[in-house]
C-alpha atoms as a PDB file:
ATOM      1  CA  MET A   1      26.519  10.682  47.192  1.00  0.00           C
ATOM      2  CA  SER A   2      25.610  14.055  45.678  1.00  0.00           C
ATOM      3  CA  PHE A   3      27.464  13.164  42.439  1.00  0.00           C
ATOM      4  CA  PHE A   4      25.582   9.913  42.062  1.00  0.00           C
ATOM      5  CA  ARG A   5      22.211  11.562  42.693  1.00  0.00           C
ATOM      6  CA  ASN A   6      23.051  14.051  40.081  1.00  0.00           C
ATOM      7  CA  LEU A   7      24.169  11.477  37.647  1.00  0.00           C
ATOM      8  CA  ALA A   8      21.099   9.382  38.373  1.00  0.00           C
ATOM      9  CA  ALA A   9      18.604  12.505  37.961  1.00  0.00           C
ATOM     10  CA  ALA A  10      20.317  13.272  34.536  1.00  0.00           C
ATOM     11  CA  ALA A  11      19.969   9.662  33.331  1.00  0.00           C
ATOM     12  CA  LEU A  12      16.299   9.791  34.306  1.00  0.00           C
ATOM     13  CA  VAL A  13      15.508  12.589  31.873  1.00  0.00           C
ATOM     14  CA  ALA A  14      14.187  10.499  29.091  1.00  0.00           C
ATOM     15  CA  LEU A  15      14.326   6.955  30.595  1.00  0.00           C
ATOM     16  CA  PRO A  16      10.608   6.536  31.415  1.00  0.00           C
ATOM     17  CA  PHE A  17       9.608   6.773  27.768  1.00  0.00           C
ATOM     18  CA  ALA A  18      11.553   3.765  27.069  1.00  0.00           C
ATOM     19  CA  VAL A  19      10.117   1.954  30.102  1.00  0.00           C
ATOM     20  CA  SER A  20       6.592   2.585  28.948  1.00  0.00           C
ATOM     21  CA  ASN A  21       7.300   1.810  25.332  1.00  0.00           C
ATOM     22  CA  GLN A  22       8.911  -1.554  26.239  1.00  0.00           C
ATOM     23  CA  ALA A  23       5.839  -2.639  27.820  1.00  0.00           C
ATOM     24  CA  GLN A  24       3.662  -1.785  24.952  1.00  0.00           C
ATOM     25  CA  ALA A  25       3.383  -3.183  21.336  1.00  0.00           C
ATOM     26  CA  LEU A  26       7.050  -3.699  20.842  1.00  0.00           C
ATOM     27  CA  GLU A  27       6.809  -6.734  23.186  1.00  0.00           C
ATOM     28  CA  LEU A  28       4.982  -9.436  21.276  1.00  0.00           C
ATOM     29  CA  GLU A  29       3.421 -12.437  22.693  1.00  0.00           C
ATOM     30  CA  PRO A  30       3.572 -16.091  21.499  1.00  0.00           C
ATOM     31  CA  GLU A  31       1.854 -16.837  18.187  1.00  0.00           C
ATOM     32  CA  GLU A  32       0.705 -13.257  17.499  1.00  0.00           C
ATOM     33  CA  PHE A  33       1.576 -13.838  13.769  1.00  0.00           C
ATOM     34  CA  VAL A  34      -0.585 -16.953  13.503  1.00  0.00           C
ATOM     35  CA  THR A  35      -3.327 -15.463  11.359  1.00  0.00           C
ATOM     36  CA  ALA A  36      -6.990 -15.154  11.588  1.00  0.00           C
ATOM     37  CA  PRO A  37      -9.554 -15.313   8.595  1.00  0.00           C
ATOM     38  CA  ALA A  38     -10.259 -12.128   6.842  1.00  0.00           C
ATOM     39  CA  GLY A  39     -13.032 -10.308   8.383  1.00  0.00           C
ATOM     40  CA  THR A  40     -12.157 -11.248  11.948  1.00  0.00           C
ATOM     41  CA  THR A  41     -11.961  -8.548  14.565  1.00  0.00           C
ATOM     42  CA  ALA A  42     -10.130  -9.199  17.874  1.00  0.00           C
ATOM     43  CA  PHE A  43     -10.140  -7.027  21.162  1.00  0.00           C
ATOM     44  CA  LEU A  44      -7.260  -7.415  23.582  1.00  0.00           C
ATOM     45  CA  GLY A  45      -6.931  -6.041  27.133  1.00  0.00           C
ATOM     46  CA  TYR A  46      -3.576  -6.003  28.941  1.00  0.00           C
ATOM     47  CA  ALA A  47      -2.850  -5.442  32.705  1.00  0.00           C
ATOM     48  CA  ILE A  48       0.877  -5.062  33.127  1.00  0.00           C
ATOM     49  CA  TYR A  49       2.996  -4.571  36.312  1.00  0.00           C
ATOM     50  CA  ALA A  50       6.884  -3.985  36.363  1.00  0.00           C
ATOM     51  CA  ASN A  51       9.285  -3.232  39.120  1.00  0.00           C
ATOM     52  CA  HIS A  52      12.431  -1.695  38.475  1.00  0.00           C
ATOM     53  CA  ASP A  53      15.108  -1.949  41.073  1.00  0.00           C
ATOM     54  CA  ARG A  54      18.500  -0.806  39.612  1.00  0.00           C
ATOM     55  CA  LEU A  55      19.894   2.035  37.451  1.00  0.00           C
ATOM     56  CA  ALA A  56      22.759   0.774  35.432  1.00  0.00           C
ATOM     57  CA  PRO A  57      24.802   3.433  33.813  1.00  0.00           C
ATOM     58  CA  VAL A  58      26.809   2.870  30.684  1.00  0.00           C
ATOM     59  CA  SER A  59      29.972   3.157  32.786  1.00  0.00           C
ATOM     60  CA  GLY A  60      30.478   3.304  36.484  1.00  0.00           C
ATOM     61  CA  PRO A  61      28.826   1.207  39.318  1.00  0.00           C
ATOM     62  CA  SER A  62      25.061   0.517  39.272  1.00  0.00           C
ATOM     63  CA  LEU A  63      22.785   2.366  41.682  1.00  0.00           C
ATOM     64  CA  ASP A  64      20.851  -0.088  43.728  1.00  0.00           C
ATOM     65  CA  ASP A  65      20.168   1.304  47.048  1.00  0.00           C
ATOM     66  CA  GLY A  66      17.258   3.601  47.332  1.00  0.00           C
ATOM     67  CA  THR A  67      16.466   2.939  43.606  1.00  0.00           C
ATOM     68  CA  ASN A  68      12.922   2.005  42.442  1.00  0.00           C
ATOM     69  CA  LEU A  69      10.388   2.502  39.633  1.00  0.00           C
ATOM     70  CA  ASP A  70       6.993   0.932  39.386  1.00  0.00           C
ATOM     71  CA  LEU A  71       4.932   0.722  36.225  1.00  0.00           C
ATOM     72  CA  ASN A  72       1.279  -0.066  36.166  1.00  0.00           C
ATOM     73  CA  LEU A  73      -0.157  -0.177  32.746  1.00  0.00           C
ATOM     74  CA  GLY A  74      -3.270  -1.117  30.942  1.00  0.00           C
ATOM     75  CA  ILE A  75      -3.606  -1.393  27.128  1.00  0.00           C
ATOM     76  CA  ALA A  76      -6.801  -1.557  25.134  1.00  0.00           C
ATOM     77  CA  ARG A  77      -5.983  -2.986  21.688  1.00  0.00           C
ATOM     78  CA  LEU A  78      -8.354  -3.507  18.665  1.00  0.00           C
ATOM     79  CA  ALA A  79      -7.314  -5.401  15.626  1.00  0.00           C
ATOM     80  CA  HIS A  80      -9.117  -6.151  12.261  1.00  0.00           C
ATOM     81  CA  TYR A  81      -8.121  -8.793   9.591  1.00  0.00           C
ATOM     82  CA  PHE A  82      -8.827  -8.162   5.856  1.00  0.00           C
ATOM     83  CA  ASN A  83      -7.561  -8.925   2.594  1.00  0.00           C
ATOM     84  CA  VAL A  84      -5.599  -6.817  -0.078  1.00  0.00           C
ATOM     85  CA  GLY A  85      -6.152  -8.693  -3.090  1.00  0.00           C
ATOM     86  CA  ASP A  86      -4.910 -12.177  -2.188  1.00  0.00           C
ATOM     87  CA  THR A  87      -2.873 -10.924   0.589  1.00  0.00           C
ATOM     88  CA  LEU A  88      -4.160 -11.004   4.216  1.00  0.00           C
ATOM     89  CA  ALA A  89      -3.605  -7.676   6.152  1.00  0.00           C
ATOM     90  CA  LEU A  90      -4.383  -6.193   9.593  1.00  0.00           C
ATOM     91  CA  VAL A  91      -4.899  -2.700  10.976  1.00  0.00           C
ATOM     92  CA  GLU A  92      -4.976  -2.049  14.785  1.00  0.00           C
ATOM     93  CA  VAL A  93      -4.757   0.624  17.477  1.00  0.00           C
ATOM     94  CA  LEU A  94      -3.336   0.360  20.909  1.00  0.00           C
ATOM     95  CA  GLN A  95      -4.141   2.819  23.710  1.00  0.00           C
ATOM     96  CA  PRO A  96      -2.017   2.288  26.819  1.00  0.00           C
ATOM     97  CA  PHE A  97      -2.735   4.168  30.103  1.00  0.00           C
ATOM     98  CA  GLY A  98      -1.792   3.917  33.683  1.00  0.00           C
ATOM     99  CA  SER A  99       1.049   5.097  36.009  1.00  0.00           C
ATOM    100  CA  LEU A 100       4.693   5.407  36.747  1.00  0.00           C
ATOM    101  CA  ASN A 101       5.319   5.825  40.373  1.00  0.00           C
ATOM    102  CA  LYS A 102       7.543   5.197  43.452  1.00  0.00           C
ATOM    103  CA  ALA A 103      10.473   6.646  41.308  1.00  0.00           C
ATOM    104  CA  ARG A 104      13.678   7.279  43.232  1.00  0.00           C
ATOM    105  CA  VAL A 105      17.230   6.841  42.354  1.00  0.00           C
ATOM    106  CA  ALA A 106      19.924   6.670  45.171  1.00  0.00           C
ATOM    107  CA  GLY A 107      17.271   7.728  47.634  1.00  0.00           C
ATOM    108  CA  GLN A 108      16.334  10.764  45.540  1.00  0.00           C
ATOM    109  CA  LYS A 109      12.580  10.902  45.043  1.00  0.00           C
ATOM    110  CA  LEU A 110      11.142  11.900  41.757  1.00  0.00           C
ATOM    111  CA  ASN A 111       7.735  12.752  40.455  1.00  0.00           C
ATOM    112  CA  SER A 112       4.945  10.184  39.511  1.00  0.00           C
ATOM    113  CA  SER A 113       3.067  10.286  36.200  1.00  0.00           C
ATOM    114  CA  SER A 114      -0.483   8.942  35.467  1.00  0.00           C
ATOM    115  CA  GLY A 115      -3.054   9.018  32.654  1.00  0.00           C
ATOM    116  CA  LEU A 116      -2.764   8.168  28.928  1.00  0.00           C
ATOM    117  CA  ALA A 117       0.403   7.037  27.450  1.00  0.00           C
ATOM    118  CA  ASP A 118       1.219   7.401  23.561  1.00  0.00           C
ATOM    119  CA  THR A 119      -1.272   5.938  21.193  1.00  0.00           C
ATOM    120  CA  ILE A 120       0.100   3.263  18.805  1.00  0.00           C
ATOM    121  CA  VAL A 121      -1.270   2.327  15.308  1.00  0.00           C
ATOM    122  CA  ALA A 122       0.054  -0.482  13.334  1.00  0.00           C
ATOM    123  CA  ALA A 123      -0.568  -2.138   9.979  1.00  0.00           C
ATOM    124  CA  ALA A 124       0.637  -5.642   8.902  1.00  0.00           C
ATOM    125  CA  ILE A 125       0.565  -7.792   5.831  1.00  0.00           C
ATOM    126  CA  TRP A 126       1.399 -11.501   5.353  1.00  0.00           C
ATOM    127  CA  PRO A 127       3.434 -12.331   2.338  1.00  0.00           C
ATOM    128  CA  ILE A 128       3.463 -15.767   3.430  1.00  0.00           C
ATOM    129  CA  ASN A 129       0.237 -17.207   5.133  1.00  0.00           C
ATOM    130  CA  ASP A 130       0.408 -21.059   4.779  1.00  0.00           C
ATOM    131  CA  THR A 131      -2.146 -22.407   7.191  1.00  0.00           C
ATOM    132  CA  ARG A 132      -1.713 -25.974   5.877  1.00  0.00           C
ATOM    133  CA  ASN A 133       1.856 -26.118   6.910  1.00  0.00           C
ATOM    134  CA  ARG A 134       1.590 -23.480   9.777  1.00  0.00           C
ATOM    135  CA  THR A 135       4.077 -21.116   8.223  1.00  0.00           C
ATOM    136  CA  TYR A 136       3.563 -17.525   8.529  1.00  0.00           C
ATOM    137  CA  VAL A 137       5.611 -14.363   7.534  1.00  0.00           C
ATOM    138  CA  GLY A 138       4.437 -10.995   8.609  1.00  0.00           C
ATOM    139  CA  LEU A 139       5.709  -7.485   7.937  1.00  0.00           C
ATOM    140  CA  THR A 140       4.344  -4.797  10.393  1.00  0.00           C
ATOM    141  CA  LEU A 141       4.998  -1.082  10.907  1.00  0.00           C
ATOM    142  CA  TYR A 142       4.027   0.276  14.332  1.00  0.00           C
ATOM    143  CA  THR A 143       3.854   4.061  14.664  1.00  0.00           C
ATOM    144  CA  THR A 144       3.819   5.648  18.017  1.00  0.00           C
ATOM    145  CA  LEU A 145       2.145   9.039  18.458  1.00  0.00           C
ATOM    146  CA  PRO A 146       3.018  11.746  20.761  1.00  0.00           C
ATOM    147  CA  THR A 147      -0.475  11.757  22.425  1.00  0.00           C
ATOM    148  CA  GLY A 148       0.491  10.629  25.979  1.00  0.00           C
ATOM    149  CA  LYS A 149       0.788  12.843  29.117  1.00  0.00           C
ATOM    150  CA  TYR A 150       3.941  14.785  29.042  1.00  0.00           C
ATOM    151  CA  ASP A 151       5.143  17.776  31.254  1.00  0.00           C
ATOM    152  CA  LYS A 152       8.395  19.065  30.265  1.00  0.00           C
ATOM    153  CA  GLU A 153       9.102  20.248  33.931  1.00  0.00           C
ATOM    154  CA  ARG A 154       9.040  16.678  34.987  1.00  0.00           C
ATOM    155  CA  ALA A 155      11.757  13.928  34.870  1.00  0.00           C
ATOM    156  CA  VAL A 156       9.228  11.155  34.739  1.00  0.00           C
ATOM    157  CA  ASN A 157       6.502  11.037  32.120  1.00  0.00           C
ATOM    158  CA  LEU A 158       4.324   8.436  30.450  1.00  0.00           C
ATOM    159  CA  GLY A 159       4.425  10.166  27.213  1.00  0.00           C
ATOM    160  CA  GLY A 160       7.367  10.638  25.054  1.00  0.00           C
ATOM    161  CA  ASN A 161       6.666  13.855  23.024  1.00  0.00           C
ATOM    162  CA  ARG A 162       7.936  12.272  19.981  1.00  0.00           C
ATOM    163  CA  PHE A 163       7.149   9.814  17.294  1.00  0.00           C
ATOM    164  CA  VAL A 164       8.450   6.323  17.096  1.00  0.00           C
ATOM    165  CA  TRP A 165       8.574   4.197  14.017  1.00  0.00           C
ATOM    166  CA  ASP A 166       9.072   0.388  14.247  1.00  0.00           C
ATOM    167  CA  PRO A 167       9.212  -1.730  11.047  1.00  0.00           C
ATOM    168  CA  GLN A 168       9.065  -5.529  11.949  1.00  0.00           C
ATOM    169  CA  ILE A 169       9.441  -8.822  10.284  1.00  0.00           C
ATOM    170  CA  ALA A 170       8.095 -11.929  11.961  1.00  0.00           C
ATOM    171  CA  LEU A 171       8.044 -15.635  11.308  1.00  0.00           C
ATOM    172  CA  SER A 172       5.823 -18.213  13.069  1.00  0.00           C
ATOM    173  CA  LYS A 173       6.518 -21.805  12.154  1.00  0.00           C
ATOM    174  CA  GLY A 174       4.803 -24.998  13.316  1.00  0.00           C
ATOM    175  CA  ILE A 175       7.109 -27.876  14.107  1.00  0.00           C
ATOM    176  CA  GLY A 176       5.486 -31.303  14.236  1.00  0.00           C
ATOM    177  CA  LYS A 177       1.937 -31.459  15.800  1.00  0.00           C
ATOM    178  CA  ASN A 178       2.382 -29.530  19.219  1.00  0.00           C
ATOM    179  CA  TRP A 179       5.536 -27.284  18.808  1.00  0.00           C
ATOM    180  CA  SER A 180       6.020 -24.054  17.149  1.00  0.00           C
ATOM    181  CA  VAL A 181       8.586 -21.127  17.078  1.00  0.00           C
ATOM    182  CA  ASP A 182       8.255 -17.446  16.743  1.00  0.00           C
ATOM    183  CA  LEU A 183      11.081 -15.186  15.694  1.00  0.00           C
ATOM    184  CA  THR A 184      10.839 -11.322  15.202  1.00  0.00           C
ATOM    185  CA  ALA A 185      13.297  -8.495  14.398  1.00  0.00           C
ATOM    186  CA  ASP A 186      12.708  -4.803  14.606  1.00  0.00           C
ATOM    187  CA  LEU A 187      14.711  -1.591  13.690  1.00  0.00           C
ATOM    188  CA  ILE A 188      13.192   1.226  15.751  1.00  0.00           C
ATOM    189  CA  PHE A 189      13.511   4.834  14.845  1.00  0.00           C
ATOM    190  CA  TYR A 190      12.866   8.005  16.914  1.00  0.00           C
ATOM    191  CA  SER A 191      11.968  11.500  16.225  1.00  0.00           C
ATOM    192  CA  HIS A 192      13.447  14.335  18.410  1.00  0.00           C
ATOM    193  CA  ASN A 193      11.906  15.507  21.640  1.00  0.00           C
ATOM    194  CA  ASP A 194      12.429  19.262  21.726  1.00  0.00           C
ATOM    195  CA  LYS A 195      11.007  19.601  25.379  1.00  0.00           C
ATOM    196  CA  ALA A 196      13.442  17.337  27.173  1.00  0.00           C
ATOM    197  CA  GLY A 197      16.176  17.912  29.814  1.00  0.00           C
ATOM    198  CA  ILE A 198      16.432  20.643  32.403  1.00  0.00           C
ATOM    199  CA  ASN A 199      13.319  22.762  32.395  1.00  0.00           C
ATOM    200  CA  GLY A 200      12.312  21.162  29.143  1.00  0.00           C
ATOM    201  CA  ALA A 201      14.543  23.488  27.252  1.00  0.00           C
ATOM    202  CA  GLN A 202      16.851  20.825  25.553  1.00  0.00           C
ATOM    203  CA  LEU A 203      16.749  18.664  22.514  1.00  0.00           C
ATOM    204  CA  LEU A 204      16.688  14.838  22.955  1.00  0.00           C
ATOM    205  CA  THR A 205      17.900  12.714  20.208  1.00  0.00           C
ATOM    206  CA  GLN A 206      18.165   8.915  20.007  1.00  0.00           C
ATOM    207  CA  SER A 207      19.771   6.521  17.427  1.00  0.00           C
ATOM    208  CA  GLU A 208      18.230   3.599  16.159  1.00  0.00           C
ATOM    209  CA  THR A 209      17.403   0.453  18.434  1.00  0.00           C
ATOM    210  CA  VAL A 210      17.673  -3.238  17.176  1.00  0.00           C
ATOM    211  CA  GLN A 211      15.123  -5.532  18.821  1.00  0.00           C
ATOM    212  CA  MET A 212      15.110  -9.508  18.564  1.00  0.00           C
ATOM    213  CA  GLN A 213      12.383 -11.682  20.123  1.00  0.00           C
ATOM    214  CA  ALA A 214      11.916 -15.434  20.067  1.00  0.00           C
ATOM    215  CA  PHE A 215       9.452 -17.931  21.686  1.00  0.00           C
ATOM    216  CA  LEU A 216       9.464 -21.860  21.664  1.00  0.00           C
ATOM    217  CA  ASN A 217       5.862 -22.962  22.223  1.00  0.00           C
ATOM    218  CA  HIS A 218       4.362 -26.081  23.197  1.00  0.00           C
ATOM    219  CA  LYS A 219       0.530 -27.040  22.997  1.00  0.00           C
ATOM    220  CA  PHE A 220      -0.923 -29.373  25.520  1.00  0.00           C
ATOM    221  CA  ALA A 221      -4.569 -30.797  25.714  1.00  0.00           C
ATOM    222  CA  ASN A 222      -7.457 -28.600  26.105  1.00  0.00           C
ATOM    223  CA  GLY A 223      -6.131 -25.616  24.429  1.00  0.00           C
ATOM    224  CA  PHE A 224      -3.305 -24.800  26.930  1.00  0.00           C
ATOM    225  CA  THR A 225      -0.005 -23.578  25.567  1.00  0.00           C
ATOM    226  CA  LEU A 226       3.338 -22.973  27.374  1.00  0.00           C
ATOM    227  CA  SER A 227       5.948 -20.759  25.838  1.00  0.00           C
ATOM    228  CA  ALA A 228       9.585 -19.822  26.792  1.00  0.00           C
ATOM    229  CA  GLY A 229      10.913 -16.869  25.341  1.00  0.00           C
ATOM    230  CA  TYR A 230      13.675 -14.236  24.908  1.00  0.00           C
ATOM    231  CA  GLN A 231      13.677 -10.508  24.158  1.00  0.00           C
ATOM    232  CA  GLY A 232      16.909  -8.341  23.517  1.00  0.00           C
ATOM    233  CA  MET A 233      17.444  -4.708  22.616  1.00  0.00           C
ATOM    234  CA  ARG A 234      20.572  -3.034  21.643  1.00  0.00           C
ATOM    235  CA  GLY A 235      21.438   0.560  20.454  1.00  0.00           C
ATOM    236  CA  GLY A 236      19.068   3.628  21.383  1.00  0.00           C
ATOM    237  CA  LYS A 237      21.937   5.951  22.427  1.00  0.00           C
ATOM    238  CA  GLN A 238      20.533   9.126  23.586  1.00  0.00           C
ATOM    239  CA  LYS A 239      21.978  12.664  23.515  1.00  0.00           C
ATOM    240  CA  LEU A 240      20.761  15.939  25.081  1.00  0.00           C
ATOM    241  CA  ASP A 241      21.783  18.935  23.035  1.00  0.00           C
ATOM    242  CA  GLY A 242      24.434  16.768  21.335  1.00  0.00           C
ATOM    243  CA  ILE A 243      25.906  15.319  24.638  1.00  0.00           C
ATOM    244  CA  ASP A 244      25.666  11.596  25.586  1.00  0.00           C
ATOM    245  CA  ASN A 245      23.322  11.331  28.472  1.00  0.00           C
ATOM    246  CA  GLY A 246      24.117   7.841  29.096  1.00  0.00           C
ATOM    247  CA  ASN A 247      20.757   6.217  28.252  1.00  0.00           C
ATOM    248  CA  ARG A 248      20.553   3.129  25.948  1.00  0.00           C
ATOM    249  CA  THR A 249      18.137   0.578  25.084  1.00  0.00           C
ATOM    250  CA  HIS A 250      20.399  -2.354  26.126  1.00  0.00           C
ATOM    251  CA  PHE A 251      18.929  -5.375  27.886  1.00  0.00           C
ATOM    252  CA  ASP A 252      18.107  -9.105  27.536  1.00  0.00           C
ATOM    253  CA  GLU A 253      14.964 -10.629  29.052  1.00  0.00           C
ATOM    254  CA  ALA A 254      13.843 -14.104  29.799  1.00  0.00           C
ATOM    255  CA  ARG A 255      10.004 -14.720  29.456  1.00  0.00           C
ATOM    256  CA  LEU A 256       7.680 -17.497  30.479  1.00  0.00           C
ATOM    257  CA  VAL A 257       4.170 -17.384  29.210  1.00  0.00           C
ATOM    258  CA  ALA A 258       1.081 -19.517  29.723  1.00  0.00           C
ATOM    259  CA  SER A 259      -2.127 -19.317  27.637  1.00  0.00           C
ATOM    260  CA  LYS A 260      -5.494 -21.189  27.286  1.00  0.00           C
ATOM    261  CA  PHE A 261      -8.525 -20.733  25.142  1.00  0.00           C
ATOM    262  CA  VAL A 262     -11.256 -20.756  27.714  1.00  0.00           C
ATOM    263  CA  THR A 263     -13.850 -20.994  25.030  1.00  0.00           C
ATOM    264  CA  SER A 264     -13.336 -20.929  21.096  1.00  0.00           C
ATOM    265  CA  LYS A 265     -13.354 -17.251  20.999  1.00  0.00           C
ATOM    266  CA  PHE A 266     -11.809 -16.166  24.380  1.00  0.00           C
ATOM    267  CA  GLN A 267      -8.343 -16.686  25.417  1.00  0.00           C
ATOM    268  CA  LEU A 268      -6.552 -15.901  28.712  1.00  0.00           C
ATOM    269  CA  MET A 269      -2.776 -15.381  28.835  1.00  0.00           C
ATOM    270  CA  GLY A 270      -0.259 -14.837  31.748  1.00  0.00           C
ATOM    271  CA  GLU A 271       3.533 -13.881  31.466  1.00  0.00           C
ATOM    272  CA  VAL A 272       6.225 -13.438  33.965  1.00  0.00           C
ATOM    273  CA  ASN A 273       9.665 -11.942  32.948  1.00  0.00           C
ATOM    274  CA  HIS A 274      12.967 -10.880  34.133  1.00  0.00           C
ATOM    275  CA  GLN A 275      15.682  -8.514  32.610  1.00  0.00           C
ATOM    276  CA  PHE A 276      19.480  -8.963  32.797  1.00  0.00           C
ATOM    277  CA  ASN A 277      22.417  -7.622  31.169  1.00  0.00           C
ATOM    278  CA  VAL A 278      20.984  -4.116  31.381  1.00  0.00           C
ATOM    279  CA  ARG A 279      23.242  -1.029  30.371  1.00  0.00           C
ATOM    280  CA  GLY A 280      22.103   2.454  30.304  1.00  0.00           C
ATOM    281  CA  GLY A 281      18.827   2.392  31.956  1.00  0.00           C
ATOM    282  CA  PHE A 282      16.635   0.753  34.738  1.00  0.00           C
ATOM    283  CA  ARG A 283      16.678  -2.988  35.276  1.00  0.00           C
ATOM    284  CA  GLN A 284      13.207  -4.600  35.293  1.00  0.00           C
ATOM    285  CA  ASP A 285      13.589  -7.047  38.036  1.00  0.00           C
ATOM    286  CA  ILE A 286      10.043  -8.505  37.581  1.00  0.00           C
ATOM    287  CA  GLY A 287       7.402  -8.084  35.034  1.00  0.00           C
ATOM    288  CA  LEU A 288       3.889  -9.502  35.108  1.00  0.00           C
ATOM    289  CA  LEU A 289       1.347  -9.482  32.395  1.00  0.00           C
ATOM    290  CA  ILE A 290      -2.297 -10.795  32.026  1.00  0.00           C
ATOM    291  CA  ARG A 291      -4.025 -10.545  28.788  1.00  0.00           C
ATOM    292  CA  GLY A 292      -7.522 -11.182  27.680  1.00  0.00           C
ATOM    293  CA  LEU A 293      -8.280 -11.858  23.892  1.00  0.00           C
ATOM    294  CA  TYR A 294     -11.737 -11.935  22.513  1.00  0.00           C
ATOM    295  CA  ILE A 295     -12.472 -12.790  18.789  1.00  0.00           C
ATOM    296  CA  PHE A 296     -15.660 -11.379  17.134  1.00  0.00           C
END
């Protein structure tokens, strides 16, 4: 048992950064690339809960018994649309906050972390913004700043102590009167964390992550929309001082989302999701999200 506990503790060294990041801006909701008019400002507030119940090494058996990690996250997001010449653009900032707690692997308890997570800033443009035919193509660059809480002496941290760059391309397309699809693709790059590993004295590096997301949306009467979605991530191999630590960003996720415009300016959204085919990290057994959107 001591071997598996040591293996699990080593695998946790940088994992929580990926856990918190996956629950942030990288995970898009349905019809996010359907545009608003220039001059529109939107505020979005998120409440997120996720339970992780298994650690799945790249090789060897999964660690199920006595393994857990709970994520409680809030996100405040402010976005503004404007024109650059004839092209619609957007700038936004996201500030996550919350906690990672009840962390244990194979019965070994680990620390908790609470406070501010890393700030995310983003800029987007729409080379195609065809509202008549409900066809939208957007290009976005998300940048994660190392502003979140980070303690090099702790295995579990909300902050990542590194920059993350995520260029993304997205397509949203209406089909008939009541259907639409969303497709996005990302290539995520990570800077080094020079305060990782044992006593925060090791260098963490990570290779690129490829991410794909898709939604099929159906609009019902009275502003209600139901969406079925998929998210998949591949890559993200991590090394500590040049040695593979077994962490990856490798999983598939099934998502079900319901949303409704309560008024012409206020939308409520709820999501439930589940991860499978996880390698090199925690498996998120259940994820829940509630989002409010208000348009100014």
